[in-house]
Amino acid sequence: MTWYLQQQTGRRFDDVAVLNEGQSVVVGRSTEADVTCPRDTAMSSRHLRVMIQDGTCQINDLNSANGSFINEEKIDTGQLNPGDQLRCGQTHFQLESTEGTPASPIAATENPASTSATTAAPVATVTAVAVATAELPEELQKSDGFVAKTATAIVEEFELSPLIETAPDKGETPEQFATRLLQADDPSPVLKFLAAALPKRLGVWWAVQCVQRDETLTDGPDGELLKLVTEWVLHPDDRMRRAAFEQAQELGMQSAACWCAVSAFWATGSMAPLGQPEVPAGTEMAGRAISGATQLASIVDPPQAPARCQEFAQLALQMATGEHSWTTTV
């Protein structure tokens, strides 16, 4: 039997972690927790531990500031059964198993404070356990290569001609064209080309790696945001990309880290709020955000910008050959 920890999102409970026999999962506000709710200010950094032991789900409060509750009864240790409500801070969870009924809409509490906390709380980040997700779009499954065989096809599909003065030669591969762009006096257009040329998920990962190469771009909230985007790369999930995008909005959409989050948000799914008709991003939008992130990272030290463009482009080409992707470096 497989057990799932589910978090309340609006009026639904959605899977956030798979629980295996003998494996413990820590829930907390810290990004070091296995299931992370960083914006639930009533939750402790390491709030509680969930563990499947001898076929039952055991809950242990980790000396949290505000306590843990099963069906609104405060507990230090307790057993969570399917259908029980688990609350830590202002976030609600429940347990589901493969032998139970599928998750379905539930009647959310009428307590206004609880309802607003539930809808405002971010989606949990899962690091040590697998995330139950729907089958990924084909492009998000690609961990190497380019989106087309020729540079001309990429330039035309993503309408890059106004952004890149140099035109690809007939039959020129993306790698050959990128190498030629690097030989120009201004190598920065290569970042615009590669941002569109890489498969979207790989492009987001490339942007994160470029930004992380300068410590000044990873201080404080930007560093935490990059962790969220990295989690999305490792475990693509709609709730994760929305949480990262919301955090980028709170930071004012000014930094390279913010544009990494935007690129993940535009890479797949809908741009509309949850529950609204789907509004997919244009096919070029993720690449434009990836380009923005890498461009900002390249000019953090203007005299070094050409060298950084060279470094970033070489990294992208290594990713395209499979030498450096999330599957080989994490």
C-alpha atoms as a PDB file:
ATOM      1  CA  MET A   1       0.000   0.000   0.000  1.00  0.00           C
ATOM      2  CA  THR A   2       1.220   3.527  -0.795  1.00  0.00           C
ATOM      3  CA  TRP A   3       0.472   6.421   1.538  1.00  0.00           C
ATOM      4  CA  TYR A   4       0.218  10.064   0.506  1.00  0.00           C
ATOM      5  CA  LEU A   5       0.408  13.207   2.608  1.00  0.00           C
ATOM      6  CA  GLN A   6      -1.996  15.778   1.177  1.00  0.00           C
ATOM      7  CA  GLN A   7      -2.146  19.524   1.745  1.00  0.00           C
ATOM      8  CA  GLN A   8      -5.287  21.614   1.575  1.00  0.00           C
ATOM      9  CA  THR A   9      -5.235  24.008  -1.367  1.00  0.00           C
ATOM     10  CA  GLY A  10      -8.355  26.137  -1.476  1.00  0.00           C
ATOM     11  CA  ARG A  11     -11.194  23.626  -1.222  1.00  0.00           C
ATOM     12  CA  ARG A  12      -9.136  20.590  -2.270  1.00  0.00           C
ATOM     13  CA  PHE A  13      -6.536  18.296  -0.778  1.00  0.00           C
ATOM     14  CA  ASP A  14      -3.660  17.577  -3.153  1.00  0.00           C
ATOM     15  CA  ASP A  15      -0.753  15.147  -2.842  1.00  0.00           C
ATOM     16  CA  VAL A  16       2.502  16.717  -1.670  1.00  0.00           C
ATOM     17  CA  ALA A  17       4.538  13.685  -0.530  1.00  0.00           C
ATOM     18  CA  VAL A  18       4.713   9.942  -0.854  1.00  0.00           C
ATOM     19  CA  LEU A  19       5.190   8.205   2.518  1.00  0.00           C
ATOM     20  CA  ASN A  20       7.078   4.919   2.546  1.00  0.00           C
ATOM     21  CA  GLU A  21       7.329   2.420   5.399  1.00  0.00           C
ATOM     22  CA  GLY A  22      10.066   3.448   7.834  1.00  0.00           C
ATOM     23  CA  GLN A  23      10.734   6.802   6.145  1.00  0.00           C
ATOM     24  CA  SER A  24      10.208  10.000   8.115  1.00  0.00           C
ATOM     25  CA  VAL A  25       9.161  13.302   6.577  1.00  0.00           C
ATOM     26  CA  VAL A  26       9.616  16.613   8.386  1.00  0.00           C
ATOM     27  CA  VAL A  27       7.036  19.343   7.822  1.00  0.00           C
ATOM     28  CA  GLY A  28       8.072  22.919   8.573  1.00  0.00           C
ATOM     29  CA  ARG A  29       8.595  26.477   7.437  1.00  0.00           C
ATOM     30  CA  SER A  30      12.319  26.048   6.803  1.00  0.00           C
ATOM     31  CA  THR A  31      13.457  25.236   3.280  1.00  0.00           C
ATOM     32  CA  GLU A  32      15.513  22.452   4.854  1.00  0.00           C
ATOM     33  CA  ALA A  33      12.333  20.608   5.826  1.00  0.00           C
ATOM     34  CA  ASP A  34      11.110  17.830   3.551  1.00  0.00           C
ATOM     35  CA  VAL A  35       7.692  19.444   3.124  1.00  0.00           C
ATOM     36  CA  THR A  36       8.107  23.215   3.258  1.00  0.00           C
ATOM     37  CA  CYS A  37       5.523  25.950   3.801  1.00  0.00           C
ATOM     38  CA  PRO A  38       7.782  29.030   3.955  1.00  0.00           C
ATOM     39  CA  ARG A  39       5.016  31.641   4.179  1.00  0.00           C
ATOM     40  CA  ASP A  40       3.022  30.039   7.008  1.00  0.00           C
ATOM     41  CA  THR A  41       4.340  32.284   9.774  1.00  0.00           C
ATOM     42  CA  ALA A  42       2.496  30.275  12.441  1.00  0.00           C
ATOM     43  CA  MET A  43       4.482  27.156  11.542  1.00  0.00           C
ATOM     44  CA  SER A  44       7.835  26.395  13.163  1.00  0.00           C
ATOM     45  CA  SER A  45      10.945  25.821  11.067  1.00  0.00           C
ATOM     46  CA  ARG A  46      10.783  22.099  11.885  1.00  0.00           C
ATOM     47  CA  HIS A  47       7.232  21.674  13.076  1.00  0.00           C
ATOM     48  CA  LEU A  48       6.398  17.959  13.059  1.00  0.00           C
ATOM     49  CA  ARG A  49       7.543  14.595  11.786  1.00  0.00           C
ATOM     50  CA  VAL A  50       5.333  12.172   9.832  1.00  0.00           C
ATOM     51  CA  MET A  51       6.337   8.507   9.620  1.00  0.00           C
ATOM     52  CA  ILE A  52       4.742   5.300   8.415  1.00  0.00           C
ATOM     53  CA  GLN A  53       5.578   2.592  10.939  1.00  0.00           C
ATOM     54  CA  ASP A  54       4.098  -0.912  10.966  1.00  0.00           C
ATOM     55  CA  GLY A  55       1.387   0.209   8.547  1.00  0.00           C
ATOM     56  CA  THR A  56       0.229   3.214  10.600  1.00  0.00           C
ATOM     57  CA  CYS A  57       0.989   6.912  10.233  1.00  0.00           C
ATOM     58  CA  GLN A  58       2.656   8.350  13.326  1.00  0.00           C
ATOM     59  CA  ILE A  59       2.821  12.092  14.011  1.00  0.00           C
ATOM     60  CA  ASN A  60       5.423  13.615  16.334  1.00  0.00           C
ATOM     61  CA  ASP A  61       5.417  17.296  17.198  1.00  0.00           C
ATOM     62  CA  LEU A  62       8.993  18.656  17.195  1.00  0.00           C
ATOM     63  CA  ASN A  63       8.533  21.101  20.090  1.00  0.00           C
ATOM     64  CA  SER A  64       6.788  23.560  17.778  1.00  0.00           C
ATOM     65  CA  ALA A  65       5.841  27.011  19.041  1.00  0.00           C
ATOM     66  CA  ASN A  66       2.119  26.713  18.244  1.00  0.00           C
ATOM     67  CA  GLY A  67       1.547  22.983  18.515  1.00  0.00           C
ATOM     68  CA  SER A  68       0.227  20.251  16.217  1.00  0.00           C
ATOM     69  CA  PHE A  69      -3.413  19.178  16.032  1.00  0.00           C
ATOM     70  CA  ILE A  70      -5.267  16.082  14.839  1.00  0.00           C
ATOM     71  CA  ASN A  71      -8.961  16.861  14.383  1.00  0.00           C
ATOM     72  CA  GLU A  72      -8.232  20.056  16.366  1.00  0.00           C
ATOM     73  CA  GLU A  73      -6.967  18.113  19.401  1.00  0.00           C
ATOM     74  CA  LYS A  74      -3.461  19.186  20.363  1.00  0.00           C
ATOM     75  CA  ILE A  75      -0.994  16.289  20.349  1.00  0.00           C
ATOM     76  CA  ASP A  76       2.668  15.645  21.085  1.00  0.00           C
ATOM     77  CA  THR A  77       2.464  12.245  19.425  1.00  0.00           C
ATOM     78  CA  GLY A  78      -0.492  10.693  17.695  1.00  0.00           C
ATOM     79  CA  GLN A  79      -1.759   8.451  14.934  1.00  0.00           C
ATOM     80  CA  LEU A  80      -3.142   9.986  11.757  1.00  0.00           C
ATOM     81  CA  ASN A  81      -5.791   7.917   9.992  1.00  0.00           C
ATOM     82  CA  PRO A  82      -7.289   8.475   6.534  1.00  0.00           C
ATOM     83  CA  GLY A  83      -9.955  11.155   6.861  1.00  0.00           C
ATOM     84  CA  ASP A  84      -8.368  12.776   9.926  1.00  0.00           C
ATOM     85  CA  GLN A  85      -7.443  16.442   9.736  1.00  0.00           C
ATOM     86  CA  LEU A  86      -3.852  17.385  10.633  1.00  0.00           C
ATOM     87  CA  ARG A  87      -3.025  21.020  11.278  1.00  0.00           C
ATOM     88  CA  CYS A  88       0.316  22.654  11.942  1.00  0.00           C
ATOM     89  CA  GLY A  89       0.442  26.414  11.970  1.00  0.00           C
ATOM     90  CA  GLN A  90      -2.368  27.507   9.646  1.00  0.00           C
ATOM     91  CA  THR A  91      -1.836  24.734   7.099  1.00  0.00           C
ATOM     92  CA  HIS A  92      -4.095  21.675   6.932  1.00  0.00           C
ATOM     93  CA  PHE A  93      -3.055  18.182   5.845  1.00  0.00           C
ATOM     94  CA  GLN A  94      -4.660  14.769   5.618  1.00  0.00           C
ATOM     95  CA  LEU A  95      -3.606  11.192   4.863  1.00  0.00           C
ATOM     96  CA  GLU A  96      -4.634   9.157   1.817  1.00  0.00           C
ATOM     97  CA  SER A  97      -3.678   5.687   0.649  1.00  0.00           C
ATOM     98  CA  THR A  98      -3.979   3.612  -2.501  1.00  0.00           C
ATOM     99  CA  GLU A  99      -6.693   1.604  -0.713  1.00  0.00           C
ATOM    100  CA  GLY A 100      -8.691   4.717   0.133  1.00  0.00           C
ATOM    101  CA  THR A 101     -10.858   6.876  -2.064  1.00  0.00           C
ATOM    102  CA  PRO A 102      -9.291   9.452  -4.388  1.00  0.00           C
ATOM    103  CA  ALA A 103      -8.868  12.984  -3.126  1.00  0.00           C
ATOM    104  CA  SER A 104     -11.993  15.027  -3.721  1.00  0.00           C
ATOM    105  CA  PRO A 105     -13.307  18.507  -3.003  1.00  0.00           C
ATOM    106  CA  ILE A 106     -13.939  19.041   0.699  1.00  0.00           C
ATOM    107  CA  ALA A 107     -15.934  21.543   2.667  1.00  0.00           C
ATOM    108  CA  ALA A 108     -13.364  24.073   3.830  1.00  0.00           C
ATOM    109  CA  THR A 109     -13.688  25.486   7.339  1.00  0.00           C
ATOM    110  CA  GLU A 110     -15.900  28.513   7.641  1.00  0.00           C
ATOM    111  CA  ASN A 111     -13.406  30.160   9.992  1.00  0.00           C
ATOM    112  CA  PRO A 112     -12.330  33.226   7.919  1.00  0.00           C
ATOM    113  CA  ALA A 113      -8.838  33.249   9.394  1.00  0.00           C
ATOM    114  CA  SER A 114      -8.352  29.581   8.590  1.00  0.00           C
ATOM    115  CA  THR A 115      -9.694  29.955   5.063  1.00  0.00           C
ATOM    116  CA  SER A 116      -7.454  32.893   4.210  1.00  0.00           C
ATOM    117  CA  ALA A 117      -4.440  31.134   5.665  1.00  0.00           C
ATOM    118  CA  THR A 118      -5.137  28.074   3.588  1.00  0.00           C
ATOM    119  CA  THR A 119      -5.402  29.953   0.329  1.00  0.00           C
ATOM    120  CA  ALA A 120      -2.404  32.177   1.091  1.00  0.00           C
ATOM    121  CA  ALA A 121      -0.096  29.437   2.294  1.00  0.00           C
ATOM    122  CA  PRO A 122       2.345  28.308  -0.395  1.00  0.00           C
ATOM    123  CA  VAL A 123       2.421  24.841  -1.803  1.00  0.00           C
ATOM    124  CA  ALA A 124       4.747  22.571   0.095  1.00  0.00           C
ATOM    125  CA  THR A 125       8.174  21.869  -1.299  1.00  0.00           C
ATOM    126  CA  VAL A 126       9.216  18.214  -1.308  1.00  0.00           C
ATOM    127  CA  THR A 127      12.927  17.448  -1.313  1.00  0.00           C
ATOM    128  CA  ALA A 128      13.455  14.048   0.267  1.00  0.00           C
ATOM    129  CA  VAL A 129      10.383  12.310  -1.075  1.00  0.00           C
ATOM    130  CA  ALA A 130       8.752  11.966  -4.459  1.00  0.00           C
ATOM    131  CA  VAL A 131       5.985  14.267  -5.615  1.00  0.00           C
ATOM    132  CA  ALA A 132       2.824  12.824  -7.093  1.00  0.00           C
ATOM    133  CA  THR A 133       2.430  14.715 -10.376  1.00  0.00           C
ATOM    134  CA  ALA A 134       0.552  14.213 -13.586  1.00  0.00           C
ATOM    135  CA  GLU A 135       2.505  13.055 -16.619  1.00  0.00           C
ATOM    136  CA  LEU A 136       4.741  15.867 -17.800  1.00  0.00           C
ATOM    137  CA  PRO A 137       4.443  17.459 -21.229  1.00  0.00           C
ATOM    138  CA  GLU A 138       6.985  15.938 -23.605  1.00  0.00           C
ATOM    139  CA  GLU A 139       9.200  19.032 -23.717  1.00  0.00           C
ATOM    140  CA  LEU A 140       9.507  19.137 -19.929  1.00  0.00           C
ATOM    141  CA  GLN A 141      10.832  15.587 -19.997  1.00  0.00           C
ATOM    142  CA  LYS A 142      13.819  16.582 -22.143  1.00  0.00           C
ATOM    143  CA  SER A 143      17.059  16.878 -20.196  1.00  0.00           C
ATOM    144  CA  ASP A 144      19.369  17.640 -23.147  1.00  0.00           C
ATOM    145  CA  GLY A 145      19.402  18.692 -26.789  1.00  0.00           C
ATOM    146  CA  PHE A 146      17.763  21.664 -28.471  1.00  0.00           C
ATOM    147  CA  VAL A 147      14.168  22.356 -29.460  1.00  0.00           C
ATOM    148  CA  ALA A 148      14.977  22.113 -33.180  1.00  0.00           C
ATOM    149  CA  LYS A 149      17.722  20.685 -35.387  1.00  0.00           C
ATOM    150  CA  THR A 150      18.652  23.945 -37.092  1.00  0.00           C
ATOM    151  CA  ALA A 151      19.312  27.430 -35.757  1.00  0.00           C
ATOM    152  CA  THR A 152      17.111  28.889 -38.496  1.00  0.00           C
ATOM    153  CA  ALA A 153      14.093  26.920 -37.231  1.00  0.00           C
ATOM    154  CA  ILE A 154      14.641  28.251 -33.714  1.00  0.00           C
ATOM    155  CA  VAL A 155      15.083  31.868 -34.828  1.00  0.00           C
ATOM    156  CA  GLU A 156      11.907  31.688 -36.915  1.00  0.00           C
ATOM    157  CA  GLU A 157       9.763  29.848 -34.363  1.00  0.00           C
ATOM    158  CA  PHE A 158      10.616  32.223 -31.526  1.00  0.00           C
ATOM    159  CA  GLU A 159      10.824  35.374 -33.679  1.00  0.00           C
ATOM    160  CA  LEU A 160      14.377  36.168 -32.619  1.00  0.00           C
ATOM    161  CA  SER A 161      15.380  38.188 -35.683  1.00  0.00           C
ATOM    162  CA  PRO A 162      14.614  41.577 -34.043  1.00  0.00           C
ATOM    163  CA  LEU A 163      16.761  40.544 -31.058  1.00  0.00           C
ATOM    164  CA  ILE A 164      19.716  39.000 -32.916  1.00  0.00           C
ATOM    165  CA  GLU A 165      21.197  40.872 -35.885  1.00  0.00           C
ATOM    166  CA  THR A 166      23.283  37.932 -37.094  1.00  0.00           C
ATOM    167  CA  ALA A 167      21.279  35.438 -39.153  1.00  0.00           C
ATOM    168  CA  PRO A 168      21.945  31.695 -39.079  1.00  0.00           C
ATOM    169  CA  ASP A 169      23.468  30.097 -42.148  1.00  0.00           C
ATOM    170  CA  LYS A 170      21.409  27.522 -44.009  1.00  0.00           C
ATOM    171  CA  GLY A 171      21.624  24.174 -42.245  1.00  0.00           C
ATOM    172  CA  GLU A 172      23.651  25.612 -39.338  1.00  0.00           C
ATOM    173  CA  THR A 173      23.064  23.690 -36.123  1.00  0.00           C
ATOM    174  CA  PRO A 174      22.153  25.493 -32.882  1.00  0.00           C
ATOM    175  CA  GLU A 175      25.593  24.680 -31.458  1.00  0.00           C
ATOM    176  CA  GLN A 176      27.372  26.018 -34.551  1.00  0.00           C
ATOM    177  CA  PHE A 177      25.313  29.212 -34.561  1.00  0.00           C
ATOM    178  CA  ALA A 178      25.891  29.800 -30.843  1.00  0.00           C
ATOM    179  CA  THR A 179      29.625  29.310 -31.302  1.00  0.00           C
ATOM    180  CA  ARG A 180      29.636  31.872 -34.132  1.00  0.00           C
ATOM    181  CA  LEU A 181      27.694  34.393 -32.036  1.00  0.00           C
ATOM    182  CA  LEU A 182      30.309  34.066 -29.319  1.00  0.00           C
ATOM    183  CA  GLN A 183      32.973  35.293 -31.726  1.00  0.00           C
ATOM    184  CA  ALA A 184      31.248  38.676 -32.194  1.00  0.00           C
ATOM    185  CA  ASP A 185      32.430  41.834 -30.434  1.00  0.00           C
ATOM    186  CA  ASP A 186      29.221  41.752 -28.396  1.00  0.00           C
ATOM    187  CA  PRO A 187      28.515  38.124 -27.422  1.00  0.00           C
ATOM    188  CA  SER A 188      25.364  38.914 -25.413  1.00  0.00           C
ATOM    189  CA  PRO A 189      22.931  37.899 -28.239  1.00  0.00           C
ATOM    190  CA  VAL A 190      24.057  34.312 -27.727  1.00  0.00           C
ATOM    191  CA  LEU A 191      22.189  34.283 -24.418  1.00  0.00           C
ATOM    192  CA  LYS A 192      18.972  35.323 -26.149  1.00  0.00           C
ATOM    193  CA  PHE A 193      19.385  32.557 -28.699  1.00  0.00           C
ATOM    194  CA  LEU A 194      20.251  29.808 -26.201  1.00  0.00           C
ATOM    195  CA  ALA A 195      17.396  30.837 -23.893  1.00  0.00           C
ATOM    196  CA  ALA A 196      14.989  29.913 -26.694  1.00  0.00           C
ATOM    197  CA  ALA A 197      17.008  27.004 -28.068  1.00  0.00           C
ATOM    198  CA  LEU A 198      17.138  24.893 -24.912  1.00  0.00           C
ATOM    199  CA  PRO A 199      14.081  22.820 -23.905  1.00  0.00           C
ATOM    200  CA  LYS A 200      12.151  24.901 -21.381  1.00  0.00           C
ATOM    201  CA  ARG A 201      12.868  22.919 -18.217  1.00  0.00           C
ATOM    202  CA  LEU A 202      16.549  22.669 -19.109  1.00  0.00           C
ATOM    203  CA  GLY A 203      16.550  26.389 -19.899  1.00  0.00           C
ATOM    204  CA  VAL A 204      15.169  27.211 -16.465  1.00  0.00           C
ATOM    205  CA  TRP A 205      17.847  25.029 -14.889  1.00  0.00           C
ATOM    206  CA  TRP A 206      20.492  26.826 -16.978  1.00  0.00           C
ATOM    207  CA  ALA A 207      19.225  30.209 -15.786  1.00  0.00           C
ATOM    208  CA  VAL A 208      19.360  29.104 -12.144  1.00  0.00           C
ATOM    209  CA  GLN A 209      22.919  27.826 -12.571  1.00  0.00           C
ATOM    210  CA  CYS A 210      24.020  31.075 -14.208  1.00  0.00           C
ATOM    211  CA  VAL A 211      22.531  33.198 -11.446  1.00  0.00           C
ATOM    212  CA  GLN A 212      24.006  31.040  -8.710  1.00  0.00           C
ATOM    213  CA  ARG A 213      27.514  31.652 -10.042  1.00  0.00           C
ATOM    214  CA  ASP A 214      27.551  35.064  -8.377  1.00  0.00           C
ATOM    215  CA  GLU A 215      27.031  35.176  -4.620  1.00  0.00           C
ATOM    216  CA  THR A 216      25.690  38.729  -4.753  1.00  0.00           C
ATOM    217  CA  LEU A 217      22.669  37.427  -6.691  1.00  0.00           C
ATOM    218  CA  THR A 218      21.800  34.735  -4.169  1.00  0.00           C
ATOM    219  CA  ASP A 219      21.626  36.716  -0.924  1.00  0.00           C
ATOM    220  CA  GLY A 220      18.569  36.578   1.328  1.00  0.00           C
ATOM    221  CA  PRO A 221      15.160  36.191  -0.339  1.00  0.00           C
ATOM    222  CA  ASP A 222      16.677  35.708  -3.797  1.00  0.00           C
ATOM    223  CA  GLY A 223      18.544  32.651  -2.536  1.00  0.00           C
ATOM    224  CA  GLU A 224      15.355  31.212  -1.071  1.00  0.00           C
ATOM    225  CA  LEU A 225      13.534  31.883  -4.326  1.00  0.00           C
ATOM    226  CA  LEU A 226      16.212  30.047  -6.317  1.00  0.00           C
ATOM    227  CA  LYS A 227      15.699  27.044  -4.035  1.00  0.00           C
ATOM    228  CA  LEU A 228      11.998  27.038  -4.932  1.00  0.00           C
ATOM    229  CA  VAL A 229      12.786  27.207  -8.642  1.00  0.00           C
ATOM    230  CA  THR A 230      15.324  24.404  -8.255  1.00  0.00           C
ATOM    231  CA  GLU A 231      12.646  22.304  -6.557  1.00  0.00           C
ATOM    232  CA  TRP A 232      10.371  22.922  -9.534  1.00  0.00           C
ATOM    233  CA  VAL A 233      13.112  21.766 -11.912  1.00  0.00           C
ATOM    234  CA  LEU A 234      13.596  18.568  -9.907  1.00  0.00           C
ATOM    235  CA  HIS A 235       9.872  17.958  -9.328  1.00  0.00           C
ATOM    236  CA  PRO A 236       7.801  19.984 -11.851  1.00  0.00           C
ATOM    237  CA  ASP A 237       4.518  20.749 -10.132  1.00  0.00           C
ATOM    238  CA  ASP A 238       1.891  23.404 -10.822  1.00  0.00           C
ATOM    239  CA  ARG A 239       1.659  24.449  -7.196  1.00  0.00           C
ATOM    240  CA  MET A 240       5.436  24.799  -6.951  1.00  0.00           C
ATOM    241  CA  ARG A 241       5.722  27.059  -9.976  1.00  0.00           C
ATOM    242  CA  ARG A 242       2.866  29.222  -8.670  1.00  0.00           C
ATOM    243  CA  ALA A 243       4.515  29.530  -5.243  1.00  0.00           C
ATOM    244  CA  ALA A 244       7.781  30.631  -6.880  1.00  0.00           C
ATOM    245  CA  PHE A 245       5.973  33.137  -9.102  1.00  0.00           C
ATOM    246  CA  GLU A 246       4.082  34.625  -6.156  1.00  0.00           C
ATOM    247  CA  GLN A 247       7.327  35.056  -4.250  1.00  0.00           C
ATOM    248  CA  ALA A 248       8.910  36.741  -7.272  1.00  0.00           C
ATOM    249  CA  GLN A 249       5.982  39.156  -7.389  1.00  0.00           C
ATOM    250  CA  GLU A 250       6.462  39.963  -3.708  1.00  0.00           C
ATOM    251  CA  LEU A 251      10.127  40.748  -4.432  1.00  0.00           C
ATOM    252  CA  GLY A 252       9.147  43.217  -7.145  1.00  0.00           C
ATOM    253  CA  MET A 253      10.244  41.184 -10.186  1.00  0.00           C
ATOM    254  CA  GLN A 254      13.539  43.081 -10.231  1.00  0.00           C
ATOM    255  CA  SER A 255      16.247  40.467  -9.771  1.00  0.00           C
ATOM    256  CA  ALA A 256      17.734  37.693 -11.869  1.00  0.00           C
ATOM    257  CA  ALA A 257      16.328  35.174  -9.379  1.00  0.00           C
ATOM    258  CA  CYS A 258      12.840  36.590  -9.931  1.00  0.00           C
ATOM    259  CA  TRP A 259      13.140  36.037 -13.679  1.00  0.00           C
ATOM    260  CA  CYS A 260      14.182  32.455 -13.050  1.00  0.00           C
ATOM    261  CA  ALA A 261      10.871  32.037 -11.213  1.00  0.00           C
ATOM    262  CA  VAL A 262       8.967  33.734 -14.036  1.00  0.00           C
ATOM    263  CA  SER A 263      10.593  31.414 -16.569  1.00  0.00           C
ATOM    264  CA  ALA A 264       9.382  28.379 -14.605  1.00  0.00           C
ATOM    265  CA  PHE A 265       5.884  29.870 -14.376  1.00  0.00           C
ATOM    266  CA  TRP A 266       5.748  30.486 -18.123  1.00  0.00           C
ATOM    267  CA  ALA A 267       7.306  27.127 -19.028  1.00  0.00           C
ATOM    268  CA  THR A 268       4.090  25.151 -18.582  1.00  0.00           C
ATOM    269  CA  GLY A 269       0.543  25.336 -17.250  1.00  0.00           C
ATOM    270  CA  SER A 270      -1.817  28.291 -17.117  1.00  0.00           C
ATOM    271  CA  MET A 271      -1.056  31.910 -16.278  1.00  0.00           C
ATOM    272  CA  ALA A 272      -4.592  32.420 -14.952  1.00  0.00           C
ATOM    273  CA  PRO A 273      -5.430  32.163 -11.228  1.00  0.00           C
ATOM    274  CA  LEU A 274      -6.472  28.756  -9.968  1.00  0.00           C
ATOM    275  CA  GLY A 275     -10.064  27.926 -10.810  1.00  0.00           C
ATOM    276  CA  GLN A 276     -10.146  30.280 -13.812  1.00  0.00           C
ATOM    277  CA  PRO A 277     -10.158  29.266 -17.492  1.00  0.00           C
ATOM    278  CA  GLU A 278      -6.679  28.296 -18.614  1.00  0.00           C
ATOM    279  CA  VAL A 279      -4.493  30.937 -20.252  1.00  0.00           C
ATOM    280  CA  PRO A 280      -1.321  29.300 -21.579  1.00  0.00           C
ATOM    281  CA  ALA A 281       1.818  31.383 -21.962  1.00  0.00           C
ATOM    282  CA  GLY A 282       3.035  32.094 -25.461  1.00  0.00           C
ATOM    283  CA  THR A 283       5.656  29.650 -26.676  1.00  0.00           C
ATOM    284  CA  GLU A 284       8.319  32.375 -26.640  1.00  0.00           C
ATOM    285  CA  MET A 285       7.622  33.709 -23.148  1.00  0.00           C
ATOM    286  CA  ALA A 286       9.640  31.231 -21.080  1.00  0.00           C
ATOM    287  CA  GLY A 287      12.669  31.852 -23.295  1.00  0.00           C
ATOM    288  CA  ARG A 288      12.334  35.606 -22.884  1.00  0.00           C
ATOM    289  CA  ALA A 289      12.307  35.208 -19.089  1.00  0.00           C
ATOM    290  CA  ILE A 290      15.293  32.831 -19.198  1.00  0.00           C
ATOM    291  CA  SER A 291      17.095  35.383 -21.358  1.00  0.00           C
ATOM    292  CA  GLY A 292      16.270  38.136 -18.859  1.00  0.00           C
ATOM    293  CA  ALA A 293      17.666  36.121 -15.961  1.00  0.00           C
ATOM    294  CA  THR A 294      20.910  35.253 -17.740  1.00  0.00           C
ATOM    295  CA  GLN A 295      21.362  38.775 -19.106  1.00  0.00           C
ATOM    296  CA  LEU A 296      20.987  40.265 -15.623  1.00  0.00           C
ATOM    297  CA  ALA A 297      23.422  37.717 -14.217  1.00  0.00           C
ATOM    298  CA  SER A 298      25.962  38.502 -16.947  1.00  0.00           C
ATOM    299  CA  ILE A 299      26.079  42.276 -16.275  1.00  0.00           C
ATOM    300  CA  VAL A 300      26.279  42.191 -12.478  1.00  0.00           C
ATOM    301  CA  ASP A 301      29.946  43.143 -12.978  1.00  0.00           C
ATOM    302  CA  PRO A 302      29.871  45.068 -16.295  1.00  0.00           C
ATOM    303  CA  PRO A 303      33.603  44.765 -17.168  1.00  0.00           C
ATOM    304  CA  GLN A 304      33.252  40.994 -16.849  1.00  0.00           C
ATOM    305  CA  ALA A 305      30.077  40.772 -18.950  1.00  0.00           C
ATOM    306  CA  PRO A 306      31.715  39.418 -22.144  1.00  0.00           C
ATOM    307  CA  ALA A 307      33.564  36.740 -20.163  1.00  0.00           C
ATOM    308  CA  ARG A 308      30.356  35.819 -18.351  1.00  0.00           C
ATOM    309  CA  CYS A 309      28.501  35.478 -21.649  1.00  0.00           C
ATOM    310  CA  GLN A 310      31.210  33.098 -22.795  1.00  0.00           C
ATOM    311  CA  GLU A 311      30.964  31.123 -19.544  1.00  0.00           C
ATOM    312  CA  PHE A 312      27.157  30.960 -19.598  1.00  0.00           C
ATOM    313  CA  ALA A 313      27.052  29.928 -23.244  1.00  0.00           C
ATOM    314  CA  GLN A 314      29.569  27.138 -22.712  1.00  0.00           C
ATOM    315  CA  LEU A 315      27.471  25.915 -19.797  1.00  0.00           C
ATOM    316  CA  ALA A 316      24.359  25.868 -22.000  1.00  0.00           C
ATOM    317  CA  LEU A 317      26.163  23.865 -24.671  1.00  0.00           C
ATOM    318  CA  GLN A 318      27.337  21.378 -22.033  1.00  0.00           C
ATOM    319  CA  MET A 319      23.732  21.033 -20.895  1.00  0.00           C
ATOM    320  CA  ALA A 320      22.580  20.421 -24.451  1.00  0.00           C
ATOM    321  CA  THR A 321      25.031  17.515 -24.769  1.00  0.00           C
ATOM    322  CA  GLY A 322      23.899  16.052 -21.446  1.00  0.00           C
ATOM    323  CA  GLU A 323      27.170  16.808 -19.660  1.00  0.00           C
ATOM    324  CA  HIS A 324      25.553  19.213 -17.183  1.00  0.00           C
ATOM    325  CA  SER A 325      21.852  18.897 -16.413  1.00  0.00           C
ATOM    326  CA  TRP A 326      19.720  18.384 -13.326  1.00  0.00           C
ATOM    327  CA  THR A 327      19.927  14.624 -13.950  1.00  0.00           C
ATOM    328  CA  THR A 328      23.726  14.621 -13.666  1.00  0.00           C
ATOM    329  CA  THR A 329      24.476  17.393 -11.180  1.00  0.00           C
ATOM    330  CA  VAL A 330      21.846  16.886  -8.449  1.00  0.00           C
END
